[in-house]
Amino acid sequence: LLDALGISLTHGTAEALYTAIITDTGNFAYSNTSADS
């Protein structure tokens, strides 16, 4: 979404989104982990 809106990431937003992804994928161990993840 942020890419589509043309909004640049900052260190803080990148860290927040990385936290979102690694916690919900179990640090990339769960079956919901994909190549896109």
PDB file of all heavy atoms in Angstrom:
ATOM      1  N   LEU A   1       0.821  -1.206   0.000  1.00  0.00           N
ATOM      2  CA  LEU A   1       0.000   0.000   0.000  1.00  0.00           C
ATOM      3  C   LEU A   1       0.863   1.267   0.000  1.00  0.00           C
ATOM      4  O   LEU A   1       0.614   2.209  -0.767  1.00  0.00           O
ATOM      5  CB  LEU A   1      -0.920  -0.007   1.223  1.00  0.00           C
ATOM      6  CG  LEU A   1      -1.779   1.231   1.455  1.00  0.00           C
ATOM      7  CD1 LEU A   1      -2.753   1.444   0.297  1.00  0.00           C
ATOM      8  CD2 LEU A   1      -2.545   1.117   2.776  1.00  0.00           C
ATOM      9  N   LEU A   2       1.887   1.297   0.842  1.00  0.00           N
ATOM     10  CA  LEU A   2       2.747   2.486   0.914  1.00  0.00           C
ATOM     11  C   LEU A   2       3.473   2.706  -0.405  1.00  0.00           C
ATOM     12  O   LEU A   2       3.666   3.854  -0.847  1.00  0.00           O
ATOM     13  CB  LEU A   2       3.747   2.355   2.065  1.00  0.00           C
ATOM     14  CG  LEU A   2       3.154   2.213   3.472  1.00  0.00           C
ATOM     15  CD1 LEU A   2       4.228   2.374   4.535  1.00  0.00           C
ATOM     16  CD2 LEU A   2       2.017   3.192   3.695  1.00  0.00           C
ATOM     17  N   ASP A   3       3.865   1.604  -1.039  1.00  0.00           N
ATOM     18  CA  ASP A   3       4.518   1.722  -2.346  1.00  0.00           C
ATOM     19  C   ASP A   3       3.541   2.296  -3.375  1.00  0.00           C
ATOM     20  O   ASP A   3       3.899   3.170  -4.172  1.00  0.00           O
ATOM     21  CB  ASP A   3       5.033   0.360  -2.792  1.00  0.00           C
ATOM     22  CG  ASP A   3       5.797   0.427  -4.098  1.00  0.00           C
ATOM     23  OD1 ASP A   3       6.836   1.115  -4.148  1.00  0.00           O
ATOM     24  OD2 ASP A   3       5.357  -0.214  -5.079  1.00  0.00           O
ATOM     25  N   ALA A   4       2.291   1.819  -3.349  1.00  0.00           N
ATOM     26  CA  ALA A   4       1.287   2.308  -4.296  1.00  0.00           C
ATOM     27  C   ALA A   4       0.985   3.785  -4.076  1.00  0.00           C
ATOM     28  O   ALA A   4       0.677   4.519  -5.034  1.00  0.00           O
ATOM     29  CB  ALA A   4       0.012   1.484  -4.159  1.00  0.00           C
ATOM     30  N   LEU A   5       1.079   4.239  -2.829  1.00  0.00           N
ATOM     31  CA  LEU A   5       0.821   5.639  -2.498  1.00  0.00           C
ATOM     32  C   LEU A   5       2.040   6.524  -2.760  1.00  0.00           C
ATOM     33  O   LEU A   5       1.961   7.754  -2.623  1.00  0.00           O
ATOM     34  CB  LEU A   5       0.400   5.768  -1.030  1.00  0.00           C
ATOM     35  CG  LEU A   5      -0.990   5.222  -0.677  1.00  0.00           C
ATOM     36  CD1 LEU A   5      -1.153   5.104   0.831  1.00  0.00           C
ATOM     37  CD2 LEU A   5      -2.084   6.101  -1.272  1.00  0.00           C
ATOM     38  N   GLY A   6       3.168   5.891  -3.075  1.00  0.00           N
ATOM     39  CA  GLY A   6       4.389   6.650  -3.326  1.00  0.00           C
ATOM     40  C   GLY A   6       5.012   7.217  -2.073  1.00  0.00           C
ATOM     41  O   GLY A   6       5.726   8.234  -2.116  1.00  0.00           O
ATOM     42  N   ILE A   7       4.793   6.563  -0.936  1.00  0.00           N
ATOM     43  CA  ILE A   7       5.324   7.039   0.341  1.00  0.00           C
ATOM     44  C   ILE A   7       6.618   6.295   0.654  1.00  0.00           C
ATOM     45  O   ILE A   7       6.644   5.062   0.702  1.00  0.00           O
ATOM     46  CB  ILE A   7       4.309   6.829   1.480  1.00  0.00           C
ATOM     47  CG1 ILE A   7       3.013   7.576   1.175  1.00  0.00           C
ATOM     48  CG2 ILE A   7       4.895   7.293   2.814  1.00  0.00           C
ATOM     49  CD1 ILE A   7       1.909   7.336   2.188  1.00  0.00           C
ATOM     50  N   SER A   8       7.693   7.025   0.869  1.00  0.00           N
ATOM     51  CA  SER A   8       8.988   6.422   1.158  1.00  0.00           C
ATOM     52  C   SER A   8       9.013   5.859   2.572  1.00  0.00           C
ATOM     53  O   SER A   8       8.435   6.441   3.502  1.00  0.00           O
ATOM     54  CB  SER A   8      10.102   7.467   1.004  1.00  0.00           C
ATOM     55  OG  SER A   8      10.148   7.957  -0.325  1.00  0.00           O
ATOM     56  N   LEU A   9       9.700   4.746   2.742  1.00  0.00           N
ATOM     57  CA  LEU A   9       9.862   4.155   4.066  1.00  0.00           C
ATOM     58  C   LEU A   9      10.952   4.884   4.838  1.00  0.00           C
ATOM     59  O   LEU A   9      11.879   5.458   4.262  1.00  0.00           O
ATOM     60  CB  LEU A   9      10.237   2.679   3.948  1.00  0.00           C
ATOM     61  CG  LEU A   9       9.234   1.737   3.287  1.00  0.00           C
ATOM     62  CD1 LEU A   9       9.777   0.316   3.288  1.00  0.00           C
ATOM     63  CD2 LEU A   9       7.886   1.780   3.988  1.00  0.00           C
ATOM     64  N   THR A  10      10.826   4.838   6.155  1.00  0.00           N
ATOM     65  CA  THR A  10      11.882   5.294   7.051  1.00  0.00           C
ATOM     66  C   THR A  10      12.376   4.090   7.837  1.00  0.00           C
ATOM     67  O   THR A  10      11.793   2.996   7.752  1.00  0.00           O
ATOM     68  CB  THR A  10      11.350   6.355   8.021  1.00  0.00           C
ATOM     69  OG1 THR A  10      10.370   5.732   8.885  1.00  0.00           O
ATOM     70  CG2 THR A  10      10.717   7.526   7.289  1.00  0.00           C
ATOM     71  N   HIS A  11      13.418   4.275   8.608  1.00  0.00           N
ATOM     72  CA  HIS A  11      13.892   3.178   9.446  1.00  0.00           C
ATOM     73  C   HIS A  11      12.783   2.706  10.377  1.00  0.00           C
ATOM     74  O   HIS A  11      12.577   1.503  10.568  1.00  0.00           O
ATOM     75  CB  HIS A  11      15.111   3.618  10.261  1.00  0.00           C
ATOM     76  CG  HIS A  11      15.607   2.564  11.196  1.00  0.00           C
ATOM     77  ND1 HIS A  11      15.120   2.413  12.481  1.00  0.00           N
ATOM     78  CD2 HIS A  11      16.529   1.577  11.033  1.00  0.00           C
ATOM     79  CE1 HIS A  11      15.723   1.396  13.064  1.00  0.00           C
ATOM     80  NE2 HIS A  11      16.582   0.868  12.215  1.00  0.00           N
ATOM     81  N   GLY A  12      12.038   3.647  10.951  1.00  0.00           N
ATOM     82  CA  GLY A  12      10.982   3.291  11.905  1.00  0.00           C
ATOM     83  C   GLY A  12       9.852   2.513  11.273  1.00  0.00           C
ATOM     84  O   GLY A  12       9.366   1.524  11.843  1.00  0.00           O
ATOM     85  N   THR A  13       9.402   2.933  10.071  1.00  0.00           N
ATOM     86  CA  THR A  13       8.308   2.211   9.421  1.00  0.00           C
ATOM     87  C   THR A  13       8.781   0.842   8.941  1.00  0.00           C
ATOM     88  O   THR A  13       8.040  -0.141   9.017  1.00  0.00           O
ATOM     89  CB  THR A  13       7.726   3.009   8.238  1.00  0.00           C
ATOM     90  OG1 THR A  13       8.769   3.353   7.330  1.00  0.00           O
ATOM     91  CG2 THR A  13       7.039   4.262   8.719  1.00  0.00           C
ATOM     92  N   ALA A  14      10.022   0.775   8.469  1.00  0.00           N
ATOM     93  CA  ALA A  14      10.566  -0.515   8.031  1.00  0.00           C
ATOM     94  C   ALA A  14      10.667  -1.484   9.202  1.00  0.00           C
ATOM     95  O   ALA A  14      10.312  -2.666   9.082  1.00  0.00           O
ATOM     96  CB  ALA A  14      11.942  -0.318   7.389  1.00  0.00           C
ATOM     97  N   GLU A  15      11.112  -1.000  10.358  1.00  0.00           N
ATOM     98  CA  GLU A  15      11.230  -1.860  11.532  1.00  0.00           C
ATOM     99  C   GLU A  15       9.856  -2.344  11.989  1.00  0.00           C
ATOM    100  O   GLU A  15       9.692  -3.521  12.368  1.00  0.00           O
ATOM    101  CB  GLU A  15      11.931  -1.106  12.663  1.00  0.00           C
ATOM    102  CG  GLU A  15      12.222  -1.964  13.877  1.00  0.00           C
ATOM    103  CD  GLU A  15      13.037  -1.222  14.910  1.00  0.00           C
ATOM    104  OE1 GLU A  15      12.564  -0.176  15.421  1.00  0.00           O
ATOM    105  OE2 GLU A  15      14.155  -1.674  15.222  1.00  0.00           O
ATOM    106  N   ALA A  16       8.859  -1.465  11.934  1.00  0.00           N
ATOM    107  CA  ALA A  16       7.498  -1.846  12.340  1.00  0.00           C
ATOM    108  C   ALA A  16       6.937  -2.917  11.407  1.00  0.00           C
ATOM    109  O   ALA A  16       6.317  -3.895  11.861  1.00  0.00           O
ATOM    110  CB  ALA A  16       6.596  -0.614  12.356  1.00  0.00           C
ATOM    111  N   LEU A  17       7.144  -2.756  10.111  1.00  0.00           N
ATOM    112  CA  LEU A  17       6.612  -3.731   9.158  1.00  0.00           C
ATOM    113  C   LEU A  17       7.388  -5.044   9.213  1.00  0.00           C
ATOM    114  O   LEU A  17       6.802  -6.126   9.052  1.00  0.00           O
ATOM    115  CB  LEU A  17       6.643  -3.153   7.748  1.00  0.00           C
ATOM    116  CG  LEU A  17       5.657  -2.011   7.501  1.00  0.00           C
ATOM    117  CD1 LEU A  17       5.811  -1.456   6.095  1.00  0.00           C
ATOM    118  CD2 LEU A  17       4.218  -2.464   7.740  1.00  0.00           C
ATOM    119  N   TYR A  18       8.688  -4.977   9.452  1.00  0.00           N
ATOM    120  CA  TYR A  18       9.460  -6.212   9.604  1.00  0.00           C
ATOM    121  C   TYR A  18       8.976  -6.967  10.839  1.00  0.00           C
ATOM    122  O   TYR A  18       8.823  -8.199  10.810  1.00  0.00           O
ATOM    123  CB  TYR A  18      10.952  -5.895   9.723  1.00  0.00           C
ATOM    124  CG  TYR A  18      11.831  -7.118   9.607  1.00  0.00           C
ATOM    125  CD1 TYR A  18      12.212  -7.605   8.368  1.00  0.00           C
ATOM    126  CD2 TYR A  18      12.260  -7.804  10.743  1.00  0.00           C
ATOM    127  CE1 TYR A  18      13.006  -8.743   8.252  1.00  0.00           C
ATOM    128  CE2 TYR A  18      13.043  -8.941  10.646  1.00  0.00           C
ATOM    129  CZ  TYR A  18      13.417  -9.400   9.399  1.00  0.00           C
ATOM    130  OH  TYR A  18      14.183 -10.537   9.293  1.00  0.00           O
ATOM    131  N   THR A  19       8.702  -6.239  11.920  1.00  0.00           N
ATOM    132  CA  THR A  19       8.152  -6.851  13.136  1.00  0.00           C
ATOM    133  C   THR A  19       6.817  -7.524  12.829  1.00  0.00           C
ATOM    134  O   THR A  19       6.546  -8.640  13.285  1.00  0.00           O
ATOM    135  CB  THR A  19       7.980  -5.790  14.235  1.00  0.00           C
ATOM    136  OG1 THR A  19       9.267  -5.274  14.599  1.00  0.00           O
ATOM    137  CG2 THR A  19       7.300  -6.367  15.468  1.00  0.00           C
ATOM    138  N   ALA A  20       5.979  -6.845  12.053  1.00  0.00           N
ATOM    139  CA  ALA A  20       4.673  -7.407  11.679  1.00  0.00           C
ATOM    140  C   ALA A  20       4.840  -8.743  10.967  1.00  0.00           C
ATOM    141  O   ALA A  20       4.164  -9.725  11.280  1.00  0.00           O
ATOM    142  CB  ALA A  20       3.925  -6.420  10.785  1.00  0.00           C
ATOM    143  N   ILE A  21       5.770  -8.793  10.033  1.00  0.00           N
ATOM    144  CA  ILE A  21       5.930  -9.994   9.205  1.00  0.00           C
ATOM    145  C   ILE A  21       6.576 -11.132   9.982  1.00  0.00           C
ATOM    146  O   ILE A  21       6.107 -12.277   9.928  1.00  0.00           O
ATOM    147  CB  ILE A  21       6.737  -9.655   7.935  1.00  0.00           C
ATOM    148  CG1 ILE A  21       5.937  -8.696   7.042  1.00  0.00           C
ATOM    149  CG2 ILE A  21       7.098 -10.932   7.171  1.00  0.00           C
ATOM    150  CD1 ILE A  21       6.725  -8.099   5.897  1.00  0.00           C
ATOM    151  N   ILE A  22       7.629 -10.847  10.745  1.00  0.00           N
ATOM    152  CA  ILE A  22       8.314 -11.964  11.411  1.00  0.00           C
ATOM    153  C   ILE A  22       7.503 -12.534  12.572  1.00  0.00           C
ATOM    154  O   ILE A  22       7.586 -13.726  12.858  1.00  0.00           O
ATOM    155  CB  ILE A  22       9.745 -11.605  11.882  1.00  0.00           C
ATOM    156  CG1 ILE A  22       9.752 -10.492  12.921  1.00  0.00           C
ATOM    157  CG2 ILE A  22      10.632 -11.274  10.715  1.00  0.00           C
ATOM    158  CD1 ILE A  22      11.143 -10.285  13.532  1.00  0.00           C
ATOM    159  N   THR A  23       6.703 -11.709  13.215  1.00  0.00           N
ATOM    160  CA  THR A  23       5.909 -12.256  14.318  1.00  0.00           C
ATOM    161  C   THR A  23       4.771 -13.123  13.802  1.00  0.00           C
ATOM    162  O   THR A  23       4.481 -14.183  14.368  1.00  0.00           O
ATOM    163  CB  THR A  23       5.354 -11.137  15.215  1.00  0.00           C
ATOM    164  OG1 THR A  23       4.688 -10.156  14.412  1.00  0.00           O
ATOM    165  CG2 THR A  23       6.464 -10.467  16.006  1.00  0.00           C
ATOM    166  N   ASP A  24       4.139 -12.720  12.700  1.00  0.00           N
ATOM    167  CA  ASP A  24       2.996 -13.502  12.211  1.00  0.00           C
ATOM    168  C   ASP A  24       3.407 -14.727  11.400  1.00  0.00           C
ATOM    169  O   ASP A  24       2.589 -15.620  11.185  1.00  0.00           O
ATOM    170  CB  ASP A  24       2.043 -12.628  11.396  1.00  0.00           C
ATOM    171  CG  ASP A  24       0.703 -12.452  12.090  1.00  0.00           C
ATOM    172  OD1 ASP A  24       0.683 -12.375  13.335  1.00  0.00           O
ATOM    173  OD2 ASP A  24      -0.331 -12.401  11.407  1.00  0.00           O
ATOM    174  N   THR A  25       4.651 -14.760  10.946  1.00  0.00           N
ATOM    175  CA  THR A  25       5.134 -15.956  10.236  1.00  0.00           C
ATOM    176  C   THR A  25       5.986 -16.836  11.147  1.00  0.00           C
ATOM    177  O   THR A  25       6.557 -17.824  10.685  1.00  0.00           O
ATOM    178  CB  THR A  25       5.970 -15.569   9.002  1.00  0.00           C
ATOM    179  OG1 THR A  25       7.110 -14.802   9.421  1.00  0.00           O
ATOM    180  CG2 THR A  25       5.147 -14.783   7.989  1.00  0.00           C
ATOM    181  N   GLY A  26       6.060 -16.492  12.437  1.00  0.00           N
ATOM    182  CA  GLY A  26       6.879 -17.276  13.362  1.00  0.00           C
ATOM    183  C   GLY A  26       8.340 -17.264  12.971  1.00  0.00           C
ATOM    184  O   GLY A  26       9.016 -18.288  12.992  1.00  0.00           O
ATOM    185  N   ASN A  27       8.830 -16.041  12.616  1.00  0.00           N
ATOM    186  CA  ASN A  27      10.215 -15.905  12.162  1.00  0.00           C
ATOM    187  C   ASN A  27      10.447 -16.770  10.922  1.00  0.00           C
ATOM    188  O   ASN A  27      11.466 -17.436  10.785  1.00  0.00           O
ATOM    189  CB  ASN A  27      11.204 -16.245  13.268  1.00  0.00           C
ATOM    190  CG  ASN A  27      12.410 -15.331  13.270  1.00  0.00           C
ATOM    191  OD1 ASN A  27      12.536 -14.469  12.410  1.00  0.00           O
ATOM    192  ND2 ASN A  27      13.300 -15.527  14.223  1.00  0.00           N
ATOM    193  N   PHE A  28       9.452 -16.766  10.022  1.00  0.00           N
ATOM    194  CA  PHE A  28       9.486 -17.474   8.735  1.00  0.00           C
ATOM    195  C   PHE A  28       9.456 -18.993   8.894  1.00  0.00           C
ATOM    196  O   PHE A  28       9.937 -19.715   8.024  1.00  0.00           O
ATOM    197  CB  PHE A  28      10.703 -17.049   7.900  1.00  0.00           C
ATOM    198  CG  PHE A  28      10.850 -15.562   7.784  1.00  0.00           C
ATOM    199  CD1 PHE A  28      11.953 -14.910   8.303  1.00  0.00           C
ATOM    200  CD2 PHE A  28       9.861 -14.799   7.176  1.00  0.00           C
ATOM    201  CE1 PHE A  28      12.077 -13.526   8.218  1.00  0.00           C
ATOM    202  CE2 PHE A  28       9.973 -13.417   7.082  1.00  0.00           C
ATOM    203  CZ  PHE A  28      11.086 -12.780   7.604  1.00  0.00           C
ATOM    204  N   ALA A  29       8.841 -19.465   9.979  1.00  0.00           N
ATOM    205  CA  ALA A  29       8.762 -20.907  10.217  1.00  0.00           C
ATOM    206  C   ALA A  29       7.366 -21.468   9.966  1.00  0.00           C
ATOM    207  O   ALA A  29       7.210 -22.683   9.867  1.00  0.00           O
ATOM    208  CB  ALA A  29       9.187 -21.233  11.648  1.00  0.00           C
ATOM    209  N   TYR A  30       6.343 -20.608   9.888  1.00  0.00           N
ATOM    210  CA  TYR A  30       4.974 -21.094   9.746  1.00  0.00           C
ATOM    211  C   TYR A  30       4.613 -21.319   8.279  1.00  0.00           C
ATOM    212  O   TYR A  30       5.252 -20.791   7.360  1.00  0.00           O
ATOM    213  CB  TYR A  30       3.980 -20.104  10.353  1.00  0.00           C
ATOM    214  CG  TYR A  30       4.096 -19.901  11.846  1.00  0.00           C
ATOM    215  CD1 TYR A  30       3.525 -18.779  12.450  1.00  0.00           C
ATOM    216  CD2 TYR A  30       4.767 -20.808  12.658  1.00  0.00           C
ATOM    217  CE1 TYR A  30       3.615 -18.569  13.818  1.00  0.00           C
ATOM    218  CE2 TYR A  30       4.863 -20.603  14.031  1.00  0.00           C
ATOM    219  CZ  TYR A  30       4.294 -19.480  14.611  1.00  0.00           C
ATOM    220  OH  TYR A  30       4.388 -19.266  15.958  1.00  0.00           O
ATOM    221  N   SER A  31       3.529 -22.065   8.068  1.00  0.00           N
ATOM    222  CA  SER A  31       3.107 -22.416   6.713  1.00  0.00           C
ATOM    223  C   SER A  31       2.610 -21.218   5.915  1.00  0.00           C
ATOM    224  O   SER A  31       2.490 -21.291   4.687  1.00  0.00           O
ATOM    225  CB  SER A  31       2.013 -23.489   6.767  1.00  0.00           C
ATOM    226  OG  SER A  31       0.870 -22.994   7.456  1.00  0.00           O
ATOM    227  N   ASN A  32       2.307 -20.099   6.588  1.00  0.00           N
ATOM    228  CA  ASN A  32       1.837 -18.918   5.858  1.00  0.00           C
ATOM    229  C   ASN A  32       2.984 -18.118   5.250  1.00  0.00           C
ATOM    230  O   ASN A  32       2.760 -17.142   4.539  1.00  0.00           O
ATOM    231  CB  ASN A  32       0.996 -18.017   6.771  1.00  0.00           C
ATOM    232  CG  ASN A  32       1.757 -17.515   7.985  1.00  0.00           C
ATOM    233  OD1 ASN A  32       2.754 -18.094   8.397  1.00  0.00           O
ATOM    234  ND2 ASN A  32       1.272 -16.441   8.581  1.00  0.00           N
ATOM    235  N   THR A  33       4.230 -18.515   5.506  1.00  0.00           N
ATOM    236  CA  THR A  33       5.384 -17.840   4.921  1.00  0.00           C
ATOM    237  C   THR A  33       5.440 -18.151   3.422  1.00  0.00           C
ATOM    238  O   THR A  33       5.363 -19.304   3.010  1.00  0.00           O
ATOM    239  CB  THR A  33       6.689 -18.314   5.573  1.00  0.00           C
ATOM    240  OG1 THR A  33       6.608 -18.126   6.992  1.00  0.00           O
ATOM    241  CG2 THR A  33       7.880 -17.536   5.035  1.00  0.00           C
ATOM    242  N   SER A  34       5.575 -17.111   2.620  1.00  0.00           N
ATOM    243  CA  SER A  34       5.642 -17.285   1.174  1.00  0.00           C
ATOM    244  C   SER A  34       6.904 -16.607   0.636  1.00  0.00           C
ATOM    245  O   SER A  34       7.621 -15.907   1.364  1.00  0.00           O
ATOM    246  CB  SER A  34       4.416 -16.660   0.503  1.00  0.00           C
ATOM    247  OG  SER A  34       4.450 -15.246   0.642  1.00  0.00           O
ATOM    248  N   ALA A  35       7.133 -16.785  -0.656  1.00  0.00           N
ATOM    249  CA  ALA A  35       8.254 -16.090  -1.295  1.00  0.00           C
ATOM    250  C   ALA A  35       8.079 -14.580  -1.160  1.00  0.00           C
ATOM    251  O   ALA A  35       9.053 -13.840  -0.941  1.00  0.00           O
ATOM    252  CB  ALA A  35       8.340 -16.496  -2.765  1.00  0.00           C
ATOM    253  N   ASP A  36       6.834 -14.112  -1.264  1.00  0.00           N
ATOM    254  CA  ASP A  36       6.572 -12.675  -1.120  1.00  0.00           C
ATOM    255  C   ASP A  36       6.904 -12.189   0.290  1.00  0.00           C
ATOM    256  O   ASP A  36       7.367 -11.054   0.466  1.00  0.00           O
ATOM    257  CB  ASP A  36       5.108 -12.368  -1.448  1.00  0.00           C
ATOM    258  CG  ASP A  36       4.811 -12.446  -2.939  1.00  0.00           C
ATOM    259  OD1 ASP A  36       5.767 -12.348  -3.744  1.00  0.00           O
ATOM    260  OD2 ASP A  36       3.642 -12.619  -3.297  1.00  0.00           O
ATOM    261  N   SER A  37       6.657 -13.037   1.307  1.00  0.00           N
ATOM    262  CA  SER A  37       7.011 -12.672   2.680  1.00  0.00           C
ATOM    263  C   SER A  37       8.510 -12.429   2.791  1.00  0.00           C
ATOM    264  O   SER A  37       8.969 -11.450   3.403  1.00  0.00           O
ATOM    265  CB  SER A  37       6.605 -13.781   3.659  1.00  0.00           C
ATOM    266  OG  SER A  37       5.245 -14.106   3.559  1.00  0.00           O
TER     267      SER A  37
END
